[in-house]
Structure formats: structure tokens, C-alpha cells
Amino acid sequence: MAKVYMGYVGDRKTYDSGVAKYSITFKPEQVQELLKYKTAADRINCDFVIKTDGTAFLSVFDPNDPENQKFMKAKTAEVQEVKEDLPF
């Protein structure tokens, strides 16, 4: 599957409570570009990935990639099948 990498993920911050936090920032043009990756369900699917060395990045699913469209069609058919079984 083709992925798009977008935005900036800051360094990990760990607090005394054990909570870990990463800041994620986007430039305005990146936010507009994210709209290109909207799925048929009006969602933008992102993965927050932390590598073994501790660095992190944000990966965006590209539903427009031909390889990914096969996956999207299968998921869409699955969702429609479930909706048909509902009594209302």
C-alpha cells in the first residue's frame, strides 16, 4: 500500500506520571493537501508510527493509489453487505 508522509512530529516528551506526548504540526498547505486523501466515507486515515530508535512520523493512507483502490473496493462492498442485513 502506498503511504504519504506529512506534517512534523516533534520529539517525545515524558512526564512524571508516565504519560508520553508527541506534538504533531501541519503547515496550512499540508492541511489542504490532506483533503486529497479523503476516503469515500469522508475520513482521512493516518497512522502514528514510532520506530525502534524512538523517532516518530505520521503516515497517511492514499485511497487514490491504484494498489489501494483494490483494498477500498473490498472494504466498501463489505460495508454495503453489512448495511443490507440491518432491519431498519
Protein backbone atom coordinates (compact mmCIF):
# COMPACT_ATOMS: atom_id res chain seq x y z
CA MET A 1 0.00 0.00 0.00
CA ALA A 2 1.24 3.44 -0.85
CA LYS A 3 1.60 5.82 2.06
CA VAL A 4 2.14 9.56 2.18
CA TYR A 5 4.22 11.14 4.93
CA MET A 6 3.04 14.55 6.05
CA GLY A 7 3.36 17.01 8.88
CA TYR A 8 6.03 17.28 11.54
CA VAL A 9 6.21 15.10 14.63
CA GLY A 10 8.17 16.62 17.48
CA ASP A 11 10.37 14.88 20.00
CA ARG A 12 8.88 12.60 22.63
CA LYS A 13 8.15 14.27 25.97
CA THR A 14 7.69 12.02 29.00
CA TYR A 15 6.09 13.31 32.17
CA ASP A 16 6.48 12.15 35.79
CA SER A 17 3.08 10.47 35.56
CA GLY A 18 4.43 8.16 32.85
CA VAL A 19 2.47 9.84 30.08
CA ALA A 20 4.36 10.26 26.81
CA LYS A 21 3.44 13.01 24.36
CA TYR A 22 4.45 13.91 20.80
CA SER A 23 3.42 17.18 19.18
CA ILE A 24 2.14 16.93 15.61
CA THR A 25 2.05 20.08 13.49
CA PHE A 26 0.95 20.84 9.94
CA LYS A 27 1.53 23.83 7.69
CA PRO A 28 -1.72 25.30 6.27
CA GLU A 29 -0.93 23.95 2.78
CA GLN A 30 -0.42 20.47 4.26
CA VAL A 31 -3.85 20.61 5.87
CA GLN A 32 -5.36 21.46 2.48
CA GLU A 33 -3.38 18.65 0.86
CA LEU A 34 -4.74 16.18 3.43
CA LEU A 35 -8.18 16.65 1.88
CA LYS A 36 -6.91 14.88 -1.26
CA TYR A 37 -6.68 11.69 0.80
CA LYS A 38 -10.30 11.67 1.96
CA THR A 39 -11.93 8.26 1.55
CA ALA A 40 -15.45 7.53 0.27
CA ALA A 41 -16.52 7.53 3.93
CA ASP A 42 -15.24 11.14 4.30
CA ARG A 43 -12.32 10.09 6.51
CA ILE A 44 -8.59 10.67 6.34
CA ASN A 45 -6.80 7.61 7.68
CA CYS A 46 -3.49 8.26 9.44
CA ASP A 47 -1.08 6.06 11.36
CA PHE A 48 1.17 7.44 14.07
CA VAL A 49 4.35 5.34 13.85
CA ILE A 50 7.14 5.15 16.42
CA LYS A 51 10.31 3.49 15.15
CA THR A 52 12.53 1.36 17.37
CA ASP A 53 15.01 4.23 17.69
CA GLY A 54 12.26 6.40 19.20
CA THR A 55 11.68 8.70 16.22
CA ALA A 56 8.08 9.12 15.14
CA PHE A 57 6.21 10.06 11.99
CA LEU A 58 2.68 10.32 10.62
CA SER A 59 1.70 8.12 7.69
CA VAL A 60 -1.41 8.97 5.61
CA PHE A 61 -3.31 6.33 3.63
CA ASP A 62 -3.73 7.29 -0.05
CA PRO A 63 -7.07 5.92 -1.33
CA ASN A 64 -6.30 7.26 -4.83
CA ASP A 65 -3.31 4.95 -5.37
CA PRO A 66 -4.27 2.10 -7.78
CA GLU A 67 -2.92 -0.51 -5.37
CA ASN A 68 -5.01 0.91 -2.53
CA GLN A 69 -8.19 1.21 -4.63
CA LYS A 70 -8.43 -2.58 -4.72
CA PHE A 71 -8.46 -2.54 -0.93
CA MET A 72 -11.04 0.26 -0.81
CA LYS A 73 -13.44 -1.58 -3.15
CA ALA A 74 -13.28 -4.69 -0.99
CA LYS A 75 -13.96 -2.66 2.15
CA THR A 76 -16.82 -0.74 0.51
CA ALA A 77 -18.51 -3.98 -0.59
CA GLU A 78 -18.08 -5.34 2.94
CA VAL A 79 -19.75 -2.27 4.45
CA GLN A 80 -22.67 -2.38 1.98
CA GLU A 81 -23.21 -6.07 2.73
CA VAL A 82 -23.46 -5.36 6.44
CA LYS A 83 -25.90 -2.47 5.89
CA GLU A 84 -28.25 -4.72 3.88
CA ASP A 85 -28.59 -7.08 6.84
CA LEU A 86 -29.93 -4.35 9.13
CA PRO A 87 -33.69 -4.45 9.84
CA PHE A 88 -34.12 -0.68 9.61
